[in-house]
C-alpha atoms as a PDB file:
ATOM      1  CA  MET A   1       6.217 -35.915  64.696  1.00  0.00           C
ATOM      2  CA  GLU A   2       5.202 -32.284  65.010  1.00  0.00           C
ATOM      3  CA  ASN A   3       6.568 -31.642  61.419  1.00  0.00           C
ATOM      4  CA  ILE A   4       3.987 -34.306  60.098  1.00  0.00           C
ATOM      5  CA  PHE A   5       1.239 -32.267  61.234  1.00  0.00           C
ATOM      6  CA  LYS A   6       2.587 -29.029  59.764  1.00  0.00           C
ATOM      7  CA  GLU A   7       3.223 -30.731  56.488  1.00  0.00           C
ATOM      8  CA  VAL A   8      -0.335 -32.413  56.472  1.00  0.00           C
ATOM      9  CA  ALA A   9      -1.992 -28.953  57.565  1.00  0.00           C
ATOM     10  CA  PHE A  10      -0.281 -27.085  55.068  1.00  0.00           C
ATOM     11  CA  ILE A  11      -0.969 -29.389  51.873  1.00  0.00           C
ATOM     12  CA  ALA A  12      -4.520 -29.952  53.093  1.00  0.00           C
ATOM     13  CA  TYR A  13      -5.134 -26.297  53.520  1.00  0.00           C
ATOM     14  CA  HIS A  14      -3.914 -25.306  50.031  1.00  0.00           C
ATOM     15  CA  PHE A  15      -4.907 -28.304  47.898  1.00  0.00           C
ATOM     16  CA  HIS A  16      -8.099 -29.244  49.914  1.00  0.00           C
ATOM     17  CA  TRP A  17      -6.788 -32.899  50.118  1.00  0.00           C
ATOM     18  CA  ASP A  18      -8.110 -34.905  53.123  1.00  0.00           C
ATOM     19  CA  ARG A  19      -5.976 -35.543  56.099  1.00  0.00           C
ATOM     20  CA  GLU A  20      -5.786 -39.360  55.386  1.00  0.00           C
ATOM     21  CA  THR A  21      -4.311 -38.716  51.860  1.00  0.00           C
ATOM     22  CA  CYS A  22      -1.606 -36.386  53.169  1.00  0.00           C
ATOM     23  CA  LEU A  23      -0.895 -38.952  56.038  1.00  0.00           C
ATOM     24  CA  VAL A  24      -0.210 -41.882  53.995  1.00  0.00           C
ATOM     25  CA  MET A  25       2.081 -40.148  51.609  1.00  0.00           C
ATOM     26  CA  PRO A  26       5.761 -40.914  52.163  1.00  0.00           C
ATOM     27  CA  HIS A  27       7.611 -38.114  53.760  1.00  0.00           C
ATOM     28  CA  LYS A  28       9.873 -37.341  50.605  1.00  0.00           C
ATOM     29  CA  GLU A  29       6.713 -36.939  48.555  1.00  0.00           C
ATOM     30  CA  ARG A  30       4.725 -34.646  51.275  1.00  0.00           C
ATOM     31  CA  HIS A  31       7.983 -32.487  51.656  1.00  0.00           C
ATOM     32  CA  ALA A  32       8.062 -32.035  47.788  1.00  0.00           C
ATOM     33  CA  TRP A  33       4.373 -31.061  47.864  1.00  0.00           C
ATOM     34  CA  VAL A  34       5.184 -28.455  50.571  1.00  0.00           C
ATOM     35  CA  LYS A  35       7.953 -27.015  48.577  1.00  0.00           C
ATOM     36  CA  GLU A  36       5.992 -26.667  45.433  1.00  0.00           C
ATOM     37  CA  ILE A  37       3.193 -25.066  47.249  1.00  0.00           C
ATOM     38  CA  SER A  38       5.627 -22.673  48.972  1.00  0.00           C
ATOM     39  CA  ALA A  39       7.118 -21.872  45.468  1.00  0.00           C
ATOM     40  CA  ILE A  40       3.573 -21.121  44.008  1.00  0.00           C
ATOM     41  CA  ASN A  41       2.835 -18.905  47.080  1.00  0.00           C
ATOM     42  CA  GLU A  42       5.978 -16.942  46.655  1.00  0.00           C
ATOM     43  CA  LYS A  43       5.465 -16.406  42.892  1.00  0.00           C
ATOM     44  CA  ILE A  44       1.897 -15.238  43.412  1.00  0.00           C
ATOM     45  CA  ASN A  45       2.848 -13.022  46.208  1.00  0.00           C
ATOM     46  CA  ALA A  46       6.130 -11.411  44.616  1.00  0.00           C
ATOM     47  CA  PRO A  47       6.013  -7.760  44.062  1.00  0.00           C
ATOM     48  CA  ARG A  48       5.206  -6.725  40.325  1.00  0.00           C
END
């Protein structure tokens, strides 16, 4: 149960989506968004 809160907080913080939108999302989809956001952050923060 703890992971769902981390996933929801992560997505909501980065995409400004409301909590309910993130909570009703299937776990697979939520996890896919977490991976996408992480990849974007890595690309943005990569040394140039």
